[in-house]
Amino acid sequence: QLKDAIPSARPWVAHIVSPFFDHTPREVGPAERLWDMLRQRGEAALHLHVGGNFAGEIGRWRLQVPRHVLDAHAMTQPGRSMHVHPIEVQEVKTEVGSEHRPLHAKSLTLSHPAWAAWMVGSSNFTSAGLGVRRPKGNSVVNFEANVLYCFVGDEAHPLHSQVTSGGH
C-alpha cells in the first residue's frame, strides 16, 4: 500500500525506527522489500535507528536488532550502505521508582531529492506489522494504524527537511 501512496521515483534514503524485527530471516521480509523499493542504480542508504545499551566492558553497543537484519542481502550491491544509529534505552523515574523503558517509537522515512515521506504509527518493522506476505503459504498480517506525511518538492524547500527529520 505504501508504494501506491508515494511518488513513483524510487527513494534514495530510508530511515527505520522500530523496537521489533522478525526474529528469523524471511525469504522476502521487510528489509528485502525496502531494499527493492530503494534506488537501484547509484547510491542508496538504509538507516536503522534501534534501541540498545552501550556495554562499557566490551566497548560496543548491544543492539536490539537481529543479526540477519544487519546482514541484508542487498548490502552486497555496489553503492548501497547501511548505517546503524543506536538509541540508548534508559531507566525512567516514575512516581513508584525507576522503570526500564525500551524503545517504543515506530516510523519509516523515505526521501528522494524531489520528495519526502514520513510514516509514523503502530507498525513495527516486522513482516506482520508491515503486511508483508510470504510468497507461499499463510502469513500473519496485523492491522496497524499509521499516518503518512508526503511532501512533493525540491529538497532545498524547508518542508522537505521537516518531513525527512520526522518533524524536528
N, C-alpha and C. Protein backbone atom coordinates (compact mmCIF):
# COMPACT_ATOMS: atom_id res chain seq x y z
N GLN A 1 0.82 -1.20 0.00
CA GLN A 1 0.00 0.00 0.00
C GLN A 1 0.86 1.26 0.00
N LEU A 2 2.00 1.21 0.66
CA LEU A 2 2.87 2.38 0.73
C LEU A 2 3.33 2.81 -0.66
N LYS A 3 3.69 1.85 -1.51
CA LYS A 3 4.16 2.19 -2.86
C LYS A 3 3.11 2.98 -3.64
N ASP A 4 1.83 2.72 -3.38
CA ASP A 4 0.76 3.42 -4.08
C ASP A 4 0.57 4.85 -3.57
N ALA A 5 1.09 5.16 -2.39
CA ALA A 5 0.86 6.46 -1.78
C ALA A 5 2.01 7.44 -1.94
N ILE A 6 3.13 6.98 -2.47
CA ILE A 6 4.29 7.86 -2.64
C ILE A 6 4.58 8.05 -4.13
N PRO A 7 5.34 9.10 -4.47
CA PRO A 7 5.70 9.29 -5.89
C PRO A 7 6.43 8.08 -6.46
N SER A 8 6.40 7.95 -7.77
CA SER A 8 6.97 6.76 -8.41
C SER A 8 8.49 6.74 -8.45
N ALA A 9 9.14 7.91 -8.35
CA ALA A 9 10.61 7.93 -8.34
C ALA A 9 11.11 7.23 -7.08
N ARG A 10 12.01 6.27 -7.24
CA ARG A 10 12.49 5.48 -6.11
C ARG A 10 13.23 6.35 -5.09
N PRO A 11 12.97 6.12 -3.80
CA PRO A 11 13.70 6.89 -2.79
C PRO A 11 15.18 6.50 -2.78
N TRP A 12 16.00 7.44 -2.36
CA TRP A 12 17.43 7.22 -2.27
C TRP A 12 17.84 6.83 -0.86
N VAL A 13 17.06 7.29 0.13
CA VAL A 13 17.42 7.09 1.53
C VAL A 13 16.18 6.64 2.30
N ALA A 14 16.38 5.71 3.23
CA ALA A 14 15.31 5.26 4.11
C ALA A 14 15.82 5.26 5.54
N HIS A 15 14.96 5.69 6.46
CA HIS A 15 15.25 5.64 7.90
C HIS A 15 14.16 4.81 8.55
N ILE A 16 14.57 3.84 9.36
CA ILE A 16 13.64 2.98 10.09
C ILE A 16 13.87 3.20 11.58
N VAL A 17 12.79 3.43 12.32
CA VAL A 17 12.83 3.42 13.78
C VAL A 17 11.85 2.34 14.20
N SER A 18 12.34 1.33 14.92
CA SER A 18 11.46 0.24 15.33
C SER A 18 12.06 -0.51 16.51
N PRO A 19 11.20 -0.90 17.45
CA PRO A 19 11.69 -1.73 18.56
C PRO A 19 11.70 -3.22 18.24
N PHE A 20 10.97 -3.64 17.18
CA PHE A 20 10.85 -5.06 16.88
C PHE A 20 11.12 -5.35 15.41
N PHE A 21 11.70 -6.52 15.18
CA PHE A 21 12.03 -7.01 13.84
C PHE A 21 11.67 -8.49 13.80
N ASP A 22 11.54 -9.06 12.61
CA ASP A 22 11.32 -10.50 12.50
C ASP A 22 12.48 -11.21 13.20
N HIS A 23 12.16 -12.22 14.02
CA HIS A 23 13.20 -12.94 14.75
C HIS A 23 14.05 -13.83 13.85
N THR A 24 13.43 -14.34 12.80
CA THR A 24 14.15 -15.21 11.88
C THR A 24 14.14 -14.60 10.48
N PRO A 25 15.14 -14.90 9.68
CA PRO A 25 15.16 -14.35 8.32
C PRO A 25 13.97 -14.83 7.50
N ARG A 26 13.48 -13.98 6.65
CA ARG A 26 12.39 -14.32 5.74
C ARG A 26 12.93 -14.22 4.32
N GLU A 27 12.42 -15.08 3.46
CA GLU A 27 12.83 -15.04 2.05
C GLU A 27 12.56 -13.66 1.47
N VAL A 28 11.39 -13.13 1.77
CA VAL A 28 11.01 -11.79 1.32
C VAL A 28 10.43 -11.06 2.54
N GLY A 29 11.31 -10.56 3.38
CA GLY A 29 10.89 -9.84 4.58
C GLY A 29 10.92 -8.33 4.37
N PRO A 30 10.64 -7.58 5.42
CA PRO A 30 10.61 -6.11 5.30
C PRO A 30 11.92 -5.50 4.81
N ALA A 31 13.06 -6.00 5.29
CA ALA A 31 14.34 -5.42 4.85
C ALA A 31 14.54 -5.62 3.35
N GLU A 32 14.24 -6.82 2.86
CA GLU A 32 14.40 -7.10 1.42
C GLU A 32 13.42 -6.25 0.60
N ARG A 33 12.20 -6.12 1.08
CA ARG A 33 11.22 -5.29 0.37
C ARG A 33 11.65 -3.84 0.32
N LEU A 34 12.21 -3.35 1.42
CA LEU A 34 12.65 -1.95 1.46
C LEU A 34 13.83 -1.74 0.52
N TRP A 35 14.80 -2.66 0.53
CA TRP A 35 15.91 -2.53 -0.41
C TRP A 35 15.41 -2.53 -1.86
N ASP A 36 14.38 -3.33 -2.15
CA ASP A 36 13.81 -3.36 -3.50
C ASP A 36 13.14 -2.04 -3.87
N MET A 37 12.59 -1.34 -2.88
CA MET A 37 11.95 -0.04 -3.13
C MET A 37 12.97 1.06 -3.42
N LEU A 38 14.16 0.94 -2.80
CA LEU A 38 15.16 1.99 -2.93
C LEU A 38 15.78 2.02 -4.33
N ARG A 39 16.39 3.14 -4.61
CA ARG A 39 17.09 3.37 -5.86
C ARG A 39 17.97 2.17 -6.21
N GLN A 40 17.90 1.73 -7.46
CA GLN A 40 18.62 0.54 -7.89
C GLN A 40 19.97 0.85 -8.54
N ARG A 41 20.13 2.05 -9.04
CA ARG A 41 21.41 2.48 -9.63
C ARG A 41 21.87 3.71 -8.87
N GLY A 42 23.15 3.77 -8.60
CA GLY A 42 23.66 4.89 -7.82
C GLY A 42 23.59 4.57 -6.33
N GLU A 43 23.82 5.59 -5.53
CA GLU A 43 23.88 5.42 -4.08
C GLU A 43 22.49 5.27 -3.48
N ALA A 44 22.38 4.38 -2.52
CA ALA A 44 21.15 4.20 -1.74
C ALA A 44 21.59 3.86 -0.32
N ALA A 45 20.85 4.39 0.66
CA ALA A 45 21.24 4.17 2.06
C ALA A 45 20.04 3.81 2.91
N LEU A 46 20.26 2.87 3.81
CA LEU A 46 19.26 2.48 4.78
C LEU A 46 19.83 2.78 6.16
N HIS A 47 19.09 3.55 6.95
CA HIS A 47 19.50 3.91 8.31
C HIS A 47 18.56 3.22 9.29
N LEU A 48 19.13 2.41 10.18
CA LEU A 48 18.35 1.75 11.22
C LEU A 48 18.58 2.47 12.55
N HIS A 49 17.51 2.95 13.15
CA HIS A 49 17.56 3.59 14.45
C HIS A 49 16.96 2.58 15.43
N VAL A 50 17.82 1.96 16.25
CA VAL A 50 17.38 0.85 17.09
C VAL A 50 17.81 1.06 18.54
N GLY A 51 17.02 0.47 19.43
CA GLY A 51 17.35 0.54 20.85
C GLY A 51 18.59 -0.27 21.16
N GLY A 52 19.23 0.11 22.26
CA GLY A 52 20.40 -0.63 22.70
C GLY A 52 21.00 -0.01 23.93
N ASN A 53 22.03 -0.66 24.42
CA ASN A 53 22.79 -0.18 25.57
C ASN A 53 24.26 -0.28 25.24
N PHE A 54 25.02 0.73 25.66
CA PHE A 54 26.46 0.69 25.45
C PHE A 54 27.06 -0.20 26.53
N ALA A 55 27.79 -1.22 26.11
CA ALA A 55 28.44 -2.16 27.03
C ALA A 55 29.88 -1.71 27.21
N GLY A 56 30.13 -0.95 28.27
CA GLY A 56 31.46 -0.42 28.52
C GLY A 56 32.53 -1.49 28.66
N GLU A 57 32.14 -2.65 29.20
CA GLU A 57 33.12 -3.72 29.42
C GLU A 57 33.68 -4.27 28.12
N ILE A 58 32.94 -4.16 27.02
CA ILE A 58 33.45 -4.63 25.73
C ILE A 58 33.64 -3.48 24.74
N GLY A 59 33.22 -2.28 25.14
CA GLY A 59 33.42 -1.10 24.29
C GLY A 59 32.55 -1.07 23.04
N ARG A 60 31.38 -1.75 23.11
CA ARG A 60 30.48 -1.80 21.95
C ARG A 60 29.04 -1.66 22.42
N TRP A 61 28.17 -1.43 21.43
CA TRP A 61 26.74 -1.38 21.70
C TRP A 61 26.14 -2.78 21.64
N ARG A 62 25.22 -3.07 22.52
CA ARG A 62 24.37 -4.26 22.41
C ARG A 62 23.06 -3.76 21.82
N LEU A 63 22.83 -4.11 20.57
CA LEU A 63 21.69 -3.58 19.84
C LEU A 63 20.51 -4.53 19.89
N GLN A 64 19.32 -3.96 19.87
CA GLN A 64 18.09 -4.75 19.88
C GLN A 64 17.58 -4.94 18.46
N VAL A 65 18.41 -5.61 17.66
CA VAL A 65 18.07 -5.91 16.27
C VAL A 65 18.74 -7.23 15.89
N PRO A 66 18.01 -8.15 15.28
CA PRO A 66 18.64 -9.43 14.90
C PRO A 66 19.74 -9.25 13.86
N ARG A 67 20.73 -10.09 13.94
CA ARG A 67 21.88 -10.03 13.02
C ARG A 67 21.44 -10.11 11.56
N HIS A 68 20.44 -10.93 11.25
CA HIS A 68 20.04 -11.11 9.86
C HIS A 68 19.54 -9.80 9.24
N VAL A 69 18.99 -8.90 10.04
CA VAL A 69 18.55 -7.61 9.51
C VAL A 69 19.77 -6.78 9.11
N LEU A 70 20.81 -6.83 9.92
CA LEU A 70 22.04 -6.09 9.62
C LEU A 70 22.79 -6.68 8.42
N ASP A 71 22.57 -7.97 8.16
CA ASP A 71 23.26 -8.66 7.07
C ASP A 71 22.38 -8.79 5.82
N ALA A 72 21.43 -7.90 5.63
CA ALA A 72 20.51 -7.99 4.49
C ALA A 72 21.28 -8.18 3.18
N HIS A 73 20.75 -9.04 2.31
CA HIS A 73 21.45 -9.41 1.07
C HIS A 73 21.74 -8.23 0.15
N ALA A 74 20.96 -7.18 0.21
CA ALA A 74 21.15 -6.05 -0.71
C ALA A 74 22.45 -5.30 -0.45
N MET A 75 23.05 -5.54 0.70
CA MET A 75 24.30 -4.84 1.02
C MET A 75 25.44 -5.26 0.10
N THR A 76 25.29 -6.34 -0.61
CA THR A 76 26.37 -6.81 -1.48
C THR A 76 26.42 -6.01 -2.78
N GLN A 77 25.42 -5.20 -3.05
CA GLN A 77 25.40 -4.42 -4.29
C GLN A 77 26.20 -3.13 -4.11
N PRO A 78 26.97 -2.74 -5.14
CA PRO A 78 27.76 -1.51 -5.05
C PRO A 78 26.86 -0.29 -4.85
N GLY A 79 27.35 0.67 -4.07
CA GLY A 79 26.64 1.93 -3.87
C GLY A 79 25.59 1.87 -2.77
N ARG A 80 25.39 0.71 -2.17
CA ARG A 80 24.40 0.58 -1.09
C ARG A 80 25.11 0.60 0.25
N SER A 81 24.50 1.27 1.21
CA SER A 81 25.10 1.32 2.54
C SER A 81 24.02 1.24 3.60
N MET A 82 24.41 0.66 4.73
CA MET A 82 23.52 0.59 5.88
C MET A 82 24.22 1.27 7.04
N HIS A 83 23.48 2.07 7.78
CA HIS A 83 24.01 2.80 8.91
C HIS A 83 23.14 2.48 10.12
N VAL A 84 23.77 2.15 11.23
CA VAL A 84 23.04 1.83 12.45
C VAL A 84 23.22 2.97 13.44
N HIS A 85 22.11 3.47 13.95
CA HIS A 85 22.11 4.57 14.91
C HIS A 85 21.48 4.08 16.21
N PRO A 86 22.31 3.78 17.22
CA PRO A 86 21.75 3.29 18.48
C PRO A 86 20.98 4.40 19.21
N ILE A 87 19.87 4.01 19.79
CA ILE A 87 19.09 4.89 20.67
C ILE A 87 19.18 4.27 22.05
N GLU A 88 19.84 4.97 22.96
CA GLU A 88 20.07 4.38 24.28
C GLU A 88 18.78 4.18 25.04
N VAL A 89 18.59 2.97 25.51
CA VAL A 89 17.45 2.60 26.33
C VAL A 89 17.84 2.89 27.77
N GLN A 90 17.04 3.69 28.47
CA GLN A 90 17.42 4.15 29.80
C GLN A 90 16.36 3.87 30.84
N GLU A 91 16.78 4.02 32.08
CA GLU A 91 15.85 3.97 33.19
C GLU A 91 15.10 5.29 33.24
N VAL A 92 13.81 5.23 33.53
CA VAL A 92 12.97 6.44 33.62
C VAL A 92 12.42 6.51 35.04
N LYS A 93 12.51 7.67 35.66
CA LYS A 93 11.98 7.87 37.00
C LYS A 93 10.46 8.01 36.91
N THR A 94 9.76 7.27 37.78
CA THR A 94 8.30 7.37 37.86
C THR A 94 7.92 7.63 39.32
N GLU A 95 6.64 7.76 39.58
CA GLU A 95 6.18 8.01 40.95
C GLU A 95 6.52 6.85 41.88
N VAL A 96 6.66 5.65 41.32
CA VAL A 96 6.91 4.47 42.14
C VAL A 96 8.34 3.96 42.02
N GLY A 97 9.23 4.72 41.43
CA GLY A 97 10.63 4.31 41.29
C GLY A 97 11.07 4.32 39.84
N SER A 98 12.25 3.75 39.62
CA SER A 98 12.79 3.69 38.25
C SER A 98 12.14 2.56 37.48
N GLU A 99 12.03 2.78 36.20
CA GLU A 99 11.40 1.81 35.31
C GLU A 99 12.21 1.74 34.03
N HIS A 100 12.44 0.53 33.55
CA HIS A 100 13.16 0.34 32.29
C HIS A 100 12.18 0.53 31.15
N ARG A 101 12.41 1.53 30.31
CA ARG A 101 11.51 1.79 29.19
C ARG A 101 12.23 1.56 27.87
N PRO A 102 11.91 0.47 27.21
CA PRO A 102 12.55 0.21 25.91
C PRO A 102 12.01 1.16 24.83
N LEU A 103 12.72 1.21 23.74
CA LEU A 103 12.28 2.00 22.59
C LEU A 103 10.89 1.54 22.16
N HIS A 104 9.99 2.47 21.94
CA HIS A 104 8.64 2.12 21.50
C HIS A 104 8.25 2.82 20.19
N ALA A 105 9.01 3.84 19.79
CA ALA A 105 8.68 4.60 18.58
C ALA A 105 8.78 3.73 17.34
N LYS A 106 7.94 4.06 16.35
CA LYS A 106 7.94 3.33 15.08
C LYS A 106 7.73 4.34 13.96
N SER A 107 8.67 4.39 13.03
CA SER A 107 8.49 5.27 11.87
C SER A 107 9.33 4.78 10.71
N LEU A 108 8.95 5.22 9.54
CA LEU A 108 9.66 4.96 8.30
C LEU A 108 9.73 6.27 7.54
N THR A 109 10.93 6.69 7.18
CA THR A 109 11.13 7.90 6.40
C THR A 109 11.78 7.51 5.08
N LEU A 110 11.22 7.98 3.99
CA LEU A 110 11.79 7.75 2.65
C LEU A 110 12.06 9.11 2.03
N SER A 111 13.21 9.25 1.37
CA SER A 111 13.48 10.54 0.73
C SER A 111 14.16 10.38 -0.62
N HIS A 112 13.86 11.35 -1.44
CA HIS A 112 14.35 11.49 -2.81
C HIS A 112 14.57 13.00 -2.97
N PRO A 113 15.46 13.45 -3.83
CA PRO A 113 15.65 14.90 -3.98
C PRO A 113 14.37 15.67 -4.34
N ALA A 114 13.38 15.00 -4.94
CA ALA A 114 12.15 15.69 -5.37
C ALA A 114 10.95 15.42 -4.45
N TRP A 115 11.12 14.61 -3.40
CA TRP A 115 10.01 14.34 -2.50
C TRP A 115 10.51 13.70 -1.19
N ALA A 116 9.66 13.71 -0.20
CA ALA A 116 9.98 13.08 1.08
C ALA A 116 8.69 12.55 1.69
N ALA A 117 8.79 11.41 2.38
CA ALA A 117 7.62 10.82 3.03
C ALA A 117 8.01 10.32 4.42
N TRP A 118 7.11 10.52 5.37
CA TRP A 118 7.33 10.06 6.75
C TRP A 118 6.08 9.35 7.21
N MET A 119 6.23 8.07 7.56
CA MET A 119 5.12 7.29 8.08
C MET A 119 5.39 7.03 9.56
N VAL A 120 4.41 7.36 10.38
CA VAL A 120 4.53 7.14 11.82
C VAL A 120 3.27 6.45 12.30
N GLY A 121 3.41 5.53 13.24
CA GLY A 121 2.23 4.84 13.73
C GLY A 121 2.60 3.61 14.53
N SER A 122 1.79 2.58 14.38
CA SER A 122 1.95 1.40 15.23
C SER A 122 2.66 0.22 14.56
N SER A 123 3.09 0.36 13.32
CA SER A 123 3.74 -0.76 12.61
C SER A 123 5.20 -0.94 13.02
N ASN A 124 5.49 -2.11 13.58
CA ASN A 124 6.88 -2.49 13.80
C ASN A 124 7.48 -2.90 12.45
N PHE A 125 8.82 -2.98 12.39
CA PHE A 125 9.48 -3.39 11.16
C PHE A 125 9.54 -4.91 11.11
N THR A 126 8.35 -5.52 11.12
CA THR A 126 8.20 -6.97 11.02
C THR A 126 7.32 -7.28 9.82
N SER A 127 7.36 -8.52 9.38
CA SER A 127 6.50 -8.93 8.27
C SER A 127 5.04 -8.72 8.62
N ALA A 128 4.63 -9.13 9.82
CA ALA A 128 3.23 -8.97 10.24
C ALA A 128 2.86 -7.50 10.40
N GLY A 129 3.75 -6.71 10.99
CA GLY A 129 3.46 -5.30 11.23
C GLY A 129 3.33 -4.48 9.96
N LEU A 130 4.08 -4.86 8.93
CA LEU A 130 4.04 -4.12 7.67
C LEU A 130 3.19 -4.81 6.59
N GLY A 131 2.59 -5.94 6.94
CA GLY A 131 1.71 -6.62 5.99
C GLY A 131 2.45 -7.29 4.86
N VAL A 132 3.71 -7.69 5.10
CA VAL A 132 4.50 -8.38 4.07
C VAL A 132 4.09 -9.85 4.08
N ARG A 133 3.53 -10.29 2.99
CA ARG A 133 3.07 -11.67 2.88
C ARG A 133 4.16 -12.56 2.32
N ARG A 134 4.17 -13.78 2.76
CA ARG A 134 5.12 -14.77 2.24
C ARG A 134 4.68 -15.18 0.84
N PRO A 135 5.65 -15.49 -0.03
CA PRO A 135 5.28 -15.90 -1.40
C PRO A 135 4.40 -17.15 -1.41
N LYS A 136 4.62 -18.08 -0.47
CA LYS A 136 3.83 -19.32 -0.42
C LYS A 136 3.33 -19.50 1.00
N GLY A 137 2.15 -19.99 1.13
CA GLY A 137 1.64 -20.31 2.46
C GLY A 137 0.91 -19.16 3.11
N ASN A 138 0.49 -19.42 4.32
CA ASN A 138 -0.25 -18.42 5.08
C ASN A 138 0.70 -17.45 5.76
N SER A 139 0.26 -16.23 5.92
CA SER A 139 1.03 -15.21 6.60
C SER A 139 0.15 -14.55 7.64
N VAL A 140 0.77 -14.19 8.74
CA VAL A 140 0.07 -13.40 9.75
C VAL A 140 0.25 -11.94 9.38
N VAL A 141 -0.84 -11.21 9.30
CA VAL A 141 -0.78 -9.79 8.99
C VAL A 141 -1.54 -9.06 10.08
N ASN A 142 -0.86 -8.12 10.72
CA ASN A 142 -1.51 -7.30 11.74
C ASN A 142 -2.23 -6.13 11.08
N PHE A 143 -3.28 -5.67 11.72
CA PHE A 143 -3.93 -4.44 11.27
C PHE A 143 -3.36 -3.32 12.12
N GLU A 144 -2.64 -2.41 11.49
CA GLU A 144 -1.94 -1.33 12.19
C GLU A 144 -2.47 0.01 11.74
N ALA A 145 -2.31 1.00 12.60
CA ALA A 145 -2.72 2.38 12.27
C ALA A 145 -1.47 3.22 12.06
N ASN A 146 -1.38 3.85 10.90
CA ASN A 146 -0.23 4.70 10.56
C ASN A 146 -0.74 5.96 9.86
N VAL A 147 0.07 6.99 9.94
CA VAL A 147 -0.20 8.24 9.22
C VAL A 147 0.99 8.49 8.31
N LEU A 148 0.73 8.84 7.06
CA LEU A 148 1.79 9.12 6.10
C LEU A 148 1.75 10.60 5.73
N TYR A 149 2.87 11.27 5.94
CA TYR A 149 3.03 12.66 5.50
C TYR A 149 3.92 12.61 4.27
N CYS A 150 3.48 13.22 3.20
CA CYS A 150 4.27 13.20 1.97
C CYS A 150 4.39 14.62 1.43
N PHE A 151 5.61 15.04 1.14
CA PHE A 151 5.87 16.35 0.57
C PHE A 151 6.51 16.16 -0.79
N VAL A 152 5.91 16.74 -1.81
CA VAL A 152 6.48 16.69 -3.15
C VAL A 152 7.04 18.08 -3.44
N GLY A 153 8.34 18.15 -3.58
CA GLY A 153 9.01 19.41 -3.83
C GLY A 153 10.50 19.24 -3.63
N ASP A 154 11.25 20.20 -4.08
CA ASP A 154 12.71 20.17 -4.05
C ASP A 154 13.25 20.02 -2.63
N GLU A 155 14.38 19.31 -2.52
CA GLU A 155 14.97 19.09 -1.20
C GLU A 155 15.49 20.38 -0.56
N ALA A 156 15.61 21.46 -1.31
CA ALA A 156 16.02 22.73 -0.74
C ALA A 156 14.88 23.41 0.03
N HIS A 157 13.65 22.99 -0.21
CA HIS A 157 12.50 23.57 0.48
C HIS A 157 12.51 23.14 1.95
N PRO A 158 12.22 24.06 2.88
CA PRO A 158 12.22 23.72 4.31
C PRO A 158 11.29 22.57 4.68
N LEU A 159 10.17 22.40 3.98
CA LEU A 159 9.26 21.31 4.31
C LEU A 159 9.87 19.94 4.01
N HIS A 160 10.75 19.88 3.03
CA HIS A 160 11.44 18.63 2.71
C HIS A 160 12.22 18.16 3.93
N SER A 161 12.99 19.05 4.51
CA SER A 161 13.80 18.66 5.68
C SER A 161 12.92 18.43 6.90
N GLN A 162 11.78 19.11 7.01
CA GLN A 162 10.84 18.85 8.11
C GLN A 162 10.31 17.42 8.03
N VAL A 163 9.94 16.99 6.85
CA VAL A 163 9.41 15.63 6.69
C VAL A 163 10.51 14.59 6.91
N THR A 164 11.70 14.80 6.33
CA THR A 164 12.76 13.80 6.48
C THR A 164 13.32 13.73 7.89
N SER A 165 13.13 14.77 8.68
CA SER A 165 13.63 14.74 10.06
C SER A 165 12.54 14.25 11.03
N GLY A 166 11.41 13.86 10.51
CA GLY A 166 10.32 13.41 11.38
C GLY A 166 9.67 14.56 12.12
N GLY A 167 9.71 15.74 11.54
CA GLY A 167 9.05 16.90 12.13
C GLY A 167 9.93 17.75 13.02
N HIS A 168 11.18 17.40 13.18
CA HIS A 168 12.08 18.18 14.07
C HIS A 168 12.60 19.41 13.38
